[in-house]
Amino acid sequence: MKLFFAVVGITFGIIMSGTITVVHSETIQLNITYADSEQPPYIYGIGRGIPKNPGAVVEMIKMLELKISGLQINLSRLPWQRCLEYLKSGKVDGIFNASFTQKRLKKGAYPMKDGQPDPSKRLVTISYGIYTLKNSSITWNGKTFRNLNGVIGVNRGFSVVSELEKMGVPLQEVNLVSQNLEKLKLGRIAAVLAQDVTAHALLKDQKRFEGIVKLRTPFSTKPYYLMLSYQFIKKYPKVAEQTWTAIKEIRKIEFDDLVAKYAEKQHSN
């Protein structure tokens, strides 16, 4: 087995059996914030607190400390819209889970390749589903809605908001998927557009959300990333690239086991 070292600035890399560990001679603080709403099995807990079992993606983010020696991950939670604003201002160094939009490039950076986000360095892939009442006549063919007589509920600040606006679809924004599902059940909105992982977990409460179904065709499927601030990248350009590369490795090695772990927890509850 061959072992070799490459010294670059304050770092050196140990490459062994395909595993890359980067060691820094100073402690580098990476302050990351994420949404204060749930996204099972990737994010658990509502509000500012971080639970003991925080979710598969939160654990992946913390594993960066094991891949990049000297890196310290400091996590916090905020409403998603504020996460984006704090990233733009440099109040935080990173945010997740963030899908790509051109507009968000004004707020922070994605891992890029050939001028486009590099999906190999994503955290996860998530689909958006369309949820209606069982007796609804609304349809979606992958491009247009039919029989949409009312508004669609969606989470505030999510990337699909701009997509719906471009389509001229009337919408209402709230902070939590559960709020939209409650409004749908009461007939206050015509449909809900939500990330499948979140809606699926909520709809297990059949008594609370009885009569709500998902349309067969998803609205969209997207990769989700850790975004980094331009301020952090300017200060630590090599660390930024090492971070995104480490995420790729962590996802390949750890992701399936982490998701299975949280599936078992859900089954046992």
C-alpha atoms as a PDB file:
ATOM      1  CA  MET A   1       0.000   0.000   0.000  1.00  0.00           C
ATOM      2  CA  LYS A   2       1.463   3.309  -1.035  1.00  0.00           C
ATOM      3  CA  LEU A   3       1.323   6.408   1.125  1.00  0.00           C
ATOM      4  CA  PHE A   4       2.297   9.855  -0.001  1.00  0.00           C
ATOM      5  CA  PHE A   5       1.998  13.415   1.249  1.00  0.00           C
ATOM      6  CA  ALA A   6       1.308  16.683  -0.516  1.00  0.00           C
ATOM      7  CA  VAL A   7       2.033  19.882   1.333  1.00  0.00           C
ATOM      8  CA  VAL A   8      -0.083  22.862   0.252  1.00  0.00           C
ATOM      9  CA  GLY A   9       0.062  26.039   2.367  1.00  0.00           C
ATOM     10  CA  ILE A  10      -1.048  25.144   5.879  1.00  0.00           C
ATOM     11  CA  THR A  11      -2.372  21.709   4.894  1.00  0.00           C
ATOM     12  CA  PHE A  12      -1.221  18.269   3.876  1.00  0.00           C
ATOM     13  CA  GLY A  13      -3.311  15.405   2.552  1.00  0.00           C
ATOM     14  CA  ILE A  14      -2.989  11.732   3.374  1.00  0.00           C
ATOM     15  CA  ILE A  15      -4.386   9.616   0.526  1.00  0.00           C
ATOM     16  CA  MET A  16      -4.833   5.980   1.413  1.00  0.00           C
ATOM     17  CA  SER A  17      -7.107   3.385  -0.195  1.00  0.00           C
ATOM     18  CA  GLY A  18      -9.166   6.125  -1.852  1.00  0.00           C
ATOM     19  CA  THR A  19      -9.806   7.975   1.419  1.00  0.00           C
ATOM     20  CA  ILE A  20      -8.701  11.583   1.698  1.00  0.00           C
ATOM     21  CA  THR A  21      -7.964  13.099   5.093  1.00  0.00           C
ATOM     22  CA  VAL A  22      -6.846  16.724   5.171  1.00  0.00           C
ATOM     23  CA  VAL A  23      -4.924  17.990   8.199  1.00  0.00           C
ATOM     24  CA  HIS A  24      -4.705  21.689   9.070  1.00  0.00           C
ATOM     25  CA  SER A  25      -2.203  23.256  11.422  1.00  0.00           C
ATOM     26  CA  GLU A  26      -4.867  25.637  12.757  1.00  0.00           C
ATOM     27  CA  THR A  27      -8.453  25.203  13.909  1.00  0.00           C
ATOM     28  CA  ILE A  28     -10.828  26.447  11.240  1.00  0.00           C
ATOM     29  CA  GLN A  29     -14.342  27.336  12.365  1.00  0.00           C
ATOM     30  CA  LEU A  30     -17.097  26.496   9.879  1.00  0.00           C
ATOM     31  CA  ASN A  31     -20.357  28.006  11.126  1.00  0.00           C
ATOM     32  CA  ILE A  32     -23.286  26.311   9.411  1.00  0.00           C
ATOM     33  CA  THR A  33     -26.976  27.005   9.881  1.00  0.00           C
ATOM     34  CA  TYR A  34     -29.956  25.065   8.624  1.00  0.00           C
ATOM     35  CA  ALA A  35     -33.748  25.294   8.630  1.00  0.00           C
ATOM     36  CA  ASP A  36     -35.701  25.144  11.882  1.00  0.00           C
ATOM     37  CA  SER A  37     -38.254  22.766  10.322  1.00  0.00           C
ATOM     38  CA  GLU A  38     -38.150  18.992   9.920  1.00  0.00           C
ATOM     39  CA  GLN A  39     -37.147  17.093   6.794  1.00  0.00           C
ATOM     40  CA  PRO A  40     -37.200  13.416   7.840  1.00  0.00           C
ATOM     41  CA  PRO A  41     -35.057  11.362   7.652  1.00  0.00           C
ATOM     42  CA  TYR A  42     -32.500  14.082   6.870  1.00  0.00           C
ATOM     43  CA  ILE A  43     -33.361  16.703   9.497  1.00  0.00           C
ATOM     44  CA  TYR A  44     -35.274  16.223  12.755  1.00  0.00           C
ATOM     45  CA  GLY A  45     -36.574  18.683  15.318  1.00  0.00           C
ATOM     46  CA  ILE A  46     -38.598  21.870  14.992  1.00  0.00           C
ATOM     47  CA  GLY A  47     -37.203  25.151  16.288  1.00  0.00           C
ATOM     48  CA  ARG A  48     -33.747  26.324  17.253  1.00  0.00           C
ATOM     49  CA  GLY A  49     -32.738  23.236  19.205  1.00  0.00           C
ATOM     50  CA  ILE A  50     -30.677  20.373  17.756  1.00  0.00           C
ATOM     51  CA  PRO A  51     -31.941  16.996  19.030  1.00  0.00           C
ATOM     52  CA  LYS A  52     -29.769  14.056  20.031  1.00  0.00           C
ATOM     53  CA  ASN A  53     -30.726  12.290  16.808  1.00  0.00           C
ATOM     54  CA  PRO A  54     -30.646  15.267  14.432  1.00  0.00           C
ATOM     55  CA  GLY A  55     -31.108  13.456  11.108  1.00  0.00           C
ATOM     56  CA  ALA A  56     -28.992  11.757   8.445  1.00  0.00           C
ATOM     57  CA  VAL A  57     -27.786  14.897   6.661  1.00  0.00           C
ATOM     58  CA  VAL A  58     -26.963  16.720   9.900  1.00  0.00           C
ATOM     59  CA  GLU A  59     -24.793  13.758  10.885  1.00  0.00           C
ATOM     60  CA  MET A  60     -23.116  13.854   7.470  1.00  0.00           C
ATOM     61  CA  ILE A  61     -22.241  17.514   8.013  1.00  0.00           C
ATOM     62  CA  LYS A  62     -20.723  16.743  11.425  1.00  0.00           C
ATOM     63  CA  MET A  63     -18.630  13.951   9.839  1.00  0.00           C
ATOM     64  CA  LEU A  64     -16.689  16.642   7.996  1.00  0.00           C
ATOM     65  CA  GLU A  65     -14.717  17.066  11.221  1.00  0.00           C
ATOM     66  CA  LEU A  66     -13.490  13.477  10.835  1.00  0.00           C
ATOM     67  CA  LYS A  67     -12.444  13.991   7.226  1.00  0.00           C
ATOM     68  CA  ILE A  68     -10.766  17.378   7.665  1.00  0.00           C
ATOM     69  CA  SER A  69      -8.652  17.459  10.814  1.00  0.00           C
ATOM     70  CA  GLY A  70      -8.653  20.917  12.408  1.00  0.00           C
ATOM     71  CA  LEU A  71     -12.087  21.773  11.024  1.00  0.00           C
ATOM     72  CA  GLN A  72     -14.677  22.585  13.680  1.00  0.00           C
ATOM     73  CA  ILE A  73     -18.348  22.515  12.643  1.00  0.00           C
ATOM     74  CA  ASN A  74     -20.649  24.833  14.611  1.00  0.00           C
ATOM     75  CA  LEU A  75     -24.328  24.222  13.889  1.00  0.00           C
ATOM     76  CA  SER A  76     -27.315  26.495  14.433  1.00  0.00           C
ATOM     77  CA  ARG A  77     -30.884  26.711  13.151  1.00  0.00           C
ATOM     78  CA  LEU A  78     -32.977  29.549  11.740  1.00  0.00           C
ATOM     79  CA  PRO A  79     -35.998  30.027   9.492  1.00  0.00           C
ATOM     80  CA  TRP A  80     -34.880  29.126   5.964  1.00  0.00           C
ATOM     81  CA  GLN A  81     -35.243  32.620   4.525  1.00  0.00           C
ATOM     82  CA  ARG A  82     -32.968  33.953   7.260  1.00  0.00           C
ATOM     83  CA  CYS A  83     -30.451  31.165   6.569  1.00  0.00           C
ATOM     84  CA  LEU A  84     -30.122  32.514   3.038  1.00  0.00           C
ATOM     85  CA  GLU A  85     -29.763  36.117   4.174  1.00  0.00           C
ATOM     86  CA  TYR A  86     -27.162  35.229   6.806  1.00  0.00           C
ATOM     87  CA  LEU A  87     -25.181  33.343   4.161  1.00  0.00           C
ATOM     88  CA  LYS A  88     -25.199  36.377   1.867  1.00  0.00           C
ATOM     89  CA  SER A  89     -24.036  38.733   4.626  1.00  0.00           C
ATOM     90  CA  GLY A  90     -21.360  36.332   5.883  1.00  0.00           C
ATOM     91  CA  LYS A  91     -22.959  35.958   9.307  1.00  0.00           C
ATOM     92  CA  VAL A  92     -22.734  32.215   8.686  1.00  0.00           C
ATOM     93  CA  ASP A  93     -20.262  30.279   6.544  1.00  0.00           C
ATOM     94  CA  GLY A  94     -22.625  27.672   5.144  1.00  0.00           C
ATOM     95  CA  ILE A  95     -26.221  26.463   4.862  1.00  0.00           C
ATOM     96  CA  PHE A  96     -27.964  23.207   3.863  1.00  0.00           C
ATOM     97  CA  ASN A  97     -30.088  21.605   2.311  1.00  0.00           C
ATOM     98  CA  ALA A  98     -30.071  24.026  -0.638  1.00  0.00           C
ATOM     99  CA  SER A  99     -31.189  23.189  -4.163  1.00  0.00           C
ATOM    100  CA  PHE A 100     -29.692  25.199  -6.987  1.00  0.00           C
ATOM    101  CA  THR A 101     -31.221  28.360  -8.366  1.00  0.00           C
ATOM    102  CA  GLN A 102     -29.480  31.061 -10.375  1.00  0.00           C
ATOM    103  CA  LYS A 103     -30.844  33.650  -7.957  1.00  0.00           C
ATOM    104  CA  ARG A 104     -29.152  32.001  -4.986  1.00  0.00           C
ATOM    105  CA  LEU A 105     -25.721  32.471  -6.559  1.00  0.00           C
ATOM    106  CA  LYS A 106     -26.015  36.064  -5.321  1.00  0.00           C
ATOM    107  CA  LYS A 107     -26.156  34.740  -1.778  1.00  0.00           C
ATOM    108  CA  GLY A 108     -23.506  32.021  -1.809  1.00  0.00           C
ATOM    109  CA  ALA A 109     -21.642  29.335  -3.725  1.00  0.00           C
ATOM    110  CA  TYR A 110     -22.258  25.744  -4.746  1.00  0.00           C
ATOM    111  CA  PRO A 111     -19.662  23.126  -5.688  1.00  0.00           C
ATOM    112  CA  MET A 112     -19.272  23.771  -9.410  1.00  0.00           C
ATOM    113  CA  LYS A 113     -18.001  21.889 -12.467  1.00  0.00           C
ATOM    114  CA  ASP A 114     -17.913  23.331 -15.978  1.00  0.00           C
ATOM    115  CA  GLY A 115     -20.000  26.299 -14.876  1.00  0.00           C
ATOM    116  CA  GLN A 116     -22.768  24.162 -13.368  1.00  0.00           C
ATOM    117  CA  PRO A 117     -23.424  22.704  -9.881  1.00  0.00           C
ATOM    118  CA  ASP A 118     -21.613  19.395  -9.501  1.00  0.00           C
ATOM    119  CA  PRO A 119     -24.228  16.783  -8.497  1.00  0.00           C
ATOM    120  CA  SER A 120     -21.494  14.361  -7.436  1.00  0.00           C
ATOM    121  CA  LYS A 121     -20.879  16.690  -4.468  1.00  0.00           C
ATOM    122  CA  ARG A 122     -24.530  16.892  -3.429  1.00  0.00           C
ATOM    123  CA  LEU A 123     -25.748  15.921   0.012  1.00  0.00           C
ATOM    124  CA  VAL A 124     -29.015  14.305  -1.118  1.00  0.00           C
ATOM    125  CA  THR A 125     -31.547  14.154  -3.939  1.00  0.00           C
ATOM    126  CA  ILE A 126     -35.130  15.125  -3.055  1.00  0.00           C
ATOM    127  CA  SER A 127     -38.370  15.150  -5.029  1.00  0.00           C
ATOM    128  CA  TYR A 128     -41.209  17.645  -4.666  1.00  0.00           C
ATOM    129  CA  GLY A 129     -44.645  16.038  -4.617  1.00  0.00           C
ATOM    130  CA  ILE A 130     -48.073  17.551  -5.249  1.00  0.00           C
ATOM    131  CA  TYR A 131     -50.657  16.786  -2.569  1.00  0.00           C
ATOM    132  CA  THR A 132     -54.415  17.201  -2.965  1.00  0.00           C
ATOM    133  CA  LEU A 133     -57.644  15.971  -1.412  1.00  0.00           C
ATOM    134  CA  LYS A 134     -58.761  12.531  -2.552  1.00  0.00           C
ATOM    135  CA  ASN A 135     -61.784  13.885  -4.451  1.00  0.00           C
ATOM    136  CA  SER A 136     -59.845  16.679  -6.203  1.00  0.00           C
ATOM    137  CA  SER A 137     -59.861  16.915 -10.022  1.00  0.00           C
ATOM    138  CA  ILE A 138     -56.447  18.628 -10.145  1.00  0.00           C
ATOM    139  CA  THR A 139     -53.918  16.970 -12.455  1.00  0.00           C
ATOM    140  CA  TRP A 140     -50.246  17.572 -13.281  1.00  0.00           C
ATOM    141  CA  ASN A 141     -48.635  16.193 -16.444  1.00  0.00           C
ATOM    142  CA  GLY A 142     -45.092  17.213 -15.572  1.00  0.00           C
ATOM    143  CA  LYS A 143     -45.426  20.600 -17.246  1.00  0.00           C
ATOM    144  CA  THR A 144     -48.838  22.132 -16.506  1.00  0.00           C
ATOM    145  CA  PHE A 145     -51.648  21.955 -13.977  1.00  0.00           C
ATOM    146  CA  ARG A 146     -55.220  21.315 -15.000  1.00  0.00           C
ATOM    147  CA  ASN A 147     -58.373  21.992 -12.985  1.00  0.00           C
ATOM    148  CA  LEU A 148     -56.443  24.076 -10.472  1.00  0.00           C
ATOM    149  CA  ASN A 149     -59.212  26.184  -8.971  1.00  0.00           C
ATOM    150  CA  GLY A 150     -57.450  27.787  -6.060  1.00  0.00           C
ATOM    151  CA  VAL A 151     -53.979  28.364  -4.673  1.00  0.00           C
ATOM    152  CA  ILE A 152     -51.069  26.024  -3.964  1.00  0.00           C
ATOM    153  CA  GLY A 153     -49.451  26.078  -0.545  1.00  0.00           C
ATOM    154  CA  VAL A 154     -45.650  26.040  -0.426  1.00  0.00           C
ATOM    155  CA  ASN A 155     -42.879  26.675   2.093  1.00  0.00           C
ATOM    156  CA  ARG A 156     -41.619  30.236   2.341  1.00  0.00           C
ATOM    157  CA  GLY A 157     -38.298  30.819   0.595  1.00  0.00           C
ATOM    158  CA  PHE A 158     -38.129  27.407  -1.084  1.00  0.00           C
ATOM    159  CA  SER A 159     -36.792  27.254  -4.635  1.00  0.00           C
ATOM    160  CA  VAL A 160     -40.109  26.073  -6.093  1.00  0.00           C
ATOM    161  CA  VAL A 161     -41.713  29.407  -5.184  1.00  0.00           C
ATOM    162  CA  SER A 162     -40.015  31.147  -8.111  1.00  0.00           C
ATOM    163  CA  GLU A 163     -40.877  28.229 -10.411  1.00  0.00           C
ATOM    164  CA  LEU A 164     -44.563  28.500  -9.560  1.00  0.00           C
ATOM    165  CA  GLU A 165     -44.456  32.267  -9.982  1.00  0.00           C
ATOM    166  CA  LYS A 166     -42.964  31.885 -13.477  1.00  0.00           C
ATOM    167  CA  MET A 167     -45.820  29.554 -14.339  1.00  0.00           C
ATOM    168  CA  GLY A 168     -48.357  32.084 -13.078  1.00  0.00           C
ATOM    169  CA  VAL A 169     -49.657  29.661 -10.455  1.00  0.00           C
ATOM    170  CA  PRO A 170     -51.352  31.363  -7.460  1.00  0.00           C
ATOM    171  CA  LEU A 171     -49.643  30.411  -4.217  1.00  0.00           C
ATOM    172  CA  GLN A 172     -49.511  31.004  -0.480  1.00  0.00           C
ATOM    173  CA  GLU A 173     -46.302  30.703   1.563  1.00  0.00           C
ATOM    174  CA  VAL A 174     -46.019  29.388   5.119  1.00  0.00           C
ATOM    175  CA  ASN A 175     -43.127  28.222   7.273  1.00  0.00           C
ATOM    176  CA  LEU A 176     -44.120  24.577   7.820  1.00  0.00           C
ATOM    177  CA  VAL A 177     -45.450  21.817   5.577  1.00  0.00           C
ATOM    178  CA  SER A 178     -47.818  20.760   8.370  1.00  0.00           C
ATOM    179  CA  GLN A 179     -49.480  24.185   8.220  1.00  0.00           C
ATOM    180  CA  ASN A 180     -50.167  23.729   4.508  1.00  0.00           C
ATOM    181  CA  LEU A 181     -51.519  20.212   4.978  1.00  0.00           C
ATOM    182  CA  GLU A 182     -53.888  21.485   7.669  1.00  0.00           C
ATOM    183  CA  LYS A 183     -55.122  24.223   5.311  1.00  0.00           C
ATOM    184  CA  LEU A 184     -55.565  21.681   2.526  1.00  0.00           C
ATOM    185  CA  LYS A 185     -57.660  19.396   4.731  1.00  0.00           C
ATOM    186  CA  LEU A 186     -59.868  22.369   5.673  1.00  0.00           C
ATOM    187  CA  GLY A 187     -60.289  23.292   2.002  1.00  0.00           C
ATOM    188  CA  ARG A 188     -58.544  26.651   2.318  1.00  0.00           C
ATOM    189  CA  ILE A 189     -56.067  25.832  -0.458  1.00  0.00           C
ATOM    190  CA  ALA A 190     -56.358  23.576  -3.511  1.00  0.00           C
ATOM    191  CA  ALA A 191     -53.049  21.698  -3.241  1.00  0.00           C
ATOM    192  CA  VAL A 192     -49.723  21.536  -1.413  1.00  0.00           C
ATOM    193  CA  LEU A 193     -46.297  21.400  -3.032  1.00  0.00           C
ATOM    194  CA  ALA A 194     -43.847  19.849  -0.580  1.00  0.00           C
ATOM    195  CA  GLN A 195     -40.693  17.803  -0.373  1.00  0.00           C
ATOM    196  CA  ASP A 196     -41.713  14.158  -0.353  1.00  0.00           C
ATOM    197  CA  VAL A 197     -39.522  13.216   2.591  1.00  0.00           C
ATOM    198  CA  THR A 198     -41.270  15.751   4.824  1.00  0.00           C
ATOM    199  CA  ALA A 199     -44.823  15.216   3.621  1.00  0.00           C
ATOM    200  CA  HIS A 200     -44.471  11.417   3.760  1.00  0.00           C
ATOM    201  CA  ALA A 201     -43.495  11.535   7.437  1.00  0.00           C
ATOM    202  CA  LEU A 202     -46.421  13.839   8.295  1.00  0.00           C
ATOM    203  CA  LEU A 203     -49.008  11.829   6.359  1.00  0.00           C
ATOM    204  CA  LYS A 204     -48.285   8.789   8.520  1.00  0.00           C
ATOM    205  CA  ASP A 205     -50.639  10.526  10.959  1.00  0.00           C
ATOM    206  CA  GLN A 206     -53.685   9.293   9.041  1.00  0.00           C
ATOM    207  CA  LYS A 207     -56.191  10.659  11.539  1.00  0.00           C
ATOM    208  CA  ARG A 208     -54.796  14.178  11.323  1.00  0.00           C
ATOM    209  CA  PHE A 209     -54.433  14.262   7.538  1.00  0.00           C
ATOM    210  CA  GLU A 210     -57.126  11.848   6.421  1.00  0.00           C
ATOM    211  CA  GLY A 211     -58.180  12.232   2.790  1.00  0.00           C
ATOM    212  CA  ILE A 212     -54.918  13.755   1.508  1.00  0.00           C
ATOM    213  CA  VAL A 213     -53.232  11.986  -1.408  1.00  0.00           C
ATOM    214  CA  LYS A 214     -50.161  12.560  -3.586  1.00  0.00           C
ATOM    215  CA  LEU A 215     -50.367  12.909  -7.361  1.00  0.00           C
ATOM    216  CA  ARG A 216     -48.392  10.249  -9.217  1.00  0.00           C
ATOM    217  CA  THR A 217     -46.109  12.581 -11.203  1.00  0.00           C
ATOM    218  CA  PRO A 218     -43.600  14.558  -9.072  1.00  0.00           C
ATOM    219  CA  PHE A 219     -43.312  18.295  -9.611  1.00  0.00           C
ATOM    220  CA  SER A 220     -39.504  18.088  -9.727  1.00  0.00           C
ATOM    221  CA  THR A 221     -36.492  16.144  -8.476  1.00  0.00           C
ATOM    222  CA  LYS A 222     -33.333  18.016  -7.474  1.00  0.00           C
ATOM    223  CA  PRO A 223     -29.925  17.563  -5.862  1.00  0.00           C
ATOM    224  CA  TYR A 224     -29.412  19.455  -2.603  1.00  0.00           C
ATOM    225  CA  TYR A 225     -26.100  20.949  -1.499  1.00  0.00           C
ATOM    226  CA  LEU A 226     -24.098  22.558   1.229  1.00  0.00           C
ATOM    227  CA  MET A 227     -23.732  26.186   0.118  1.00  0.00           C
ATOM    228  CA  LEU A 228     -20.746  28.179   1.368  1.00  0.00           C
ATOM    229  CA  SER A 229     -20.458  31.932   1.768  1.00  0.00           C
ATOM    230  CA  TYR A 230     -18.250  33.921  -0.569  1.00  0.00           C
ATOM    231  CA  GLN A 231     -16.559  35.392   2.501  1.00  0.00           C
ATOM    232  CA  PHE A 232     -15.513  31.938   3.744  1.00  0.00           C
ATOM    233  CA  ILE A 233     -14.335  30.863   0.284  1.00  0.00           C
ATOM    234  CA  LYS A 234     -12.216  34.006  -0.060  1.00  0.00           C
ATOM    235  CA  LYS A 235     -10.548  33.318   3.299  1.00  0.00           C
ATOM    236  CA  TYR A 236     -10.222  29.535   2.933  1.00  0.00           C
ATOM    237  CA  PRO A 237     -10.485  28.602  -0.771  1.00  0.00           C
ATOM    238  CA  LYS A 238      -8.767  25.216  -0.398  1.00  0.00           C
ATOM    239  CA  VAL A 239     -10.835  24.301   2.666  1.00  0.00           C
ATOM    240  CA  ALA A 240     -14.019  25.044   0.728  1.00  0.00           C
ATOM    241  CA  GLU A 241     -13.047  22.617  -2.031  1.00  0.00           C
ATOM    242  CA  GLN A 242     -11.897  20.027   0.508  1.00  0.00           C
ATOM    243  CA  THR A 243     -15.260  20.320   2.263  1.00  0.00           C
ATOM    244  CA  TRP A 244     -17.297  19.646  -0.870  1.00  0.00           C
ATOM    245  CA  THR A 245     -14.987  16.769  -1.861  1.00  0.00           C
ATOM    246  CA  ALA A 246     -15.360  15.257   1.615  1.00  0.00           C
ATOM    247  CA  ILE A 247     -19.156  15.456   1.319  1.00  0.00           C
ATOM    248  CA  LYS A 248     -18.958  13.389  -1.874  1.00  0.00           C
ATOM    249  CA  GLU A 249     -16.964  10.741  -0.047  1.00  0.00           C
ATOM    250  CA  ILE A 250     -19.181  10.765   3.060  1.00  0.00           C
ATOM    251  CA  ARG A 251     -22.326  10.380   0.957  1.00  0.00           C
ATOM    252  CA  LYS A 252     -20.890   7.385  -0.908  1.00  0.00           C
ATOM    253  CA  ILE A 253     -19.732   5.618   2.243  1.00  0.00           C
ATOM    254  CA  GLU A 254     -22.140   6.651   5.018  1.00  0.00           C
ATOM    255  CA  PHE A 255     -25.429   7.794   3.474  1.00  0.00           C
ATOM    256  CA  ASP A 256     -27.243   4.459   3.096  1.00  0.00           C
ATOM    257  CA  ASP A 257     -26.381   3.365   6.650  1.00  0.00           C
ATOM    258  CA  LEU A 258     -27.515   6.680   8.105  1.00  0.00           C
ATOM    259  CA  VAL A 259     -30.860   6.608   6.298  1.00  0.00           C
ATOM    260  CA  ALA A 260     -31.368   2.988   7.408  1.00  0.00           C
ATOM    261  CA  LYS A 261     -30.599   3.993  10.984  1.00  0.00           C
ATOM    262  CA  TYR A 262     -33.333   6.626  10.996  1.00  0.00           C
ATOM    263  CA  ALA A 263     -35.765   4.307   9.229  1.00  0.00           C
ATOM    264  CA  GLU A 264     -35.323   1.854  12.090  1.00  0.00           C
ATOM    265  CA  LYS A 265     -35.961   4.626  14.622  1.00  0.00           C
ATOM    266  CA  GLN A 266     -39.182   5.600  12.840  1.00  0.00           C
ATOM    267  CA  HIS A 267     -40.291   1.967  12.739  1.00  0.00           C
ATOM    268  CA  SER A 268     -39.654   1.497  16.463  1.00  0.00           C
ATOM    269  CA  ASN A 269     -41.579   4.651  17.503  1.00  0.00           C
END
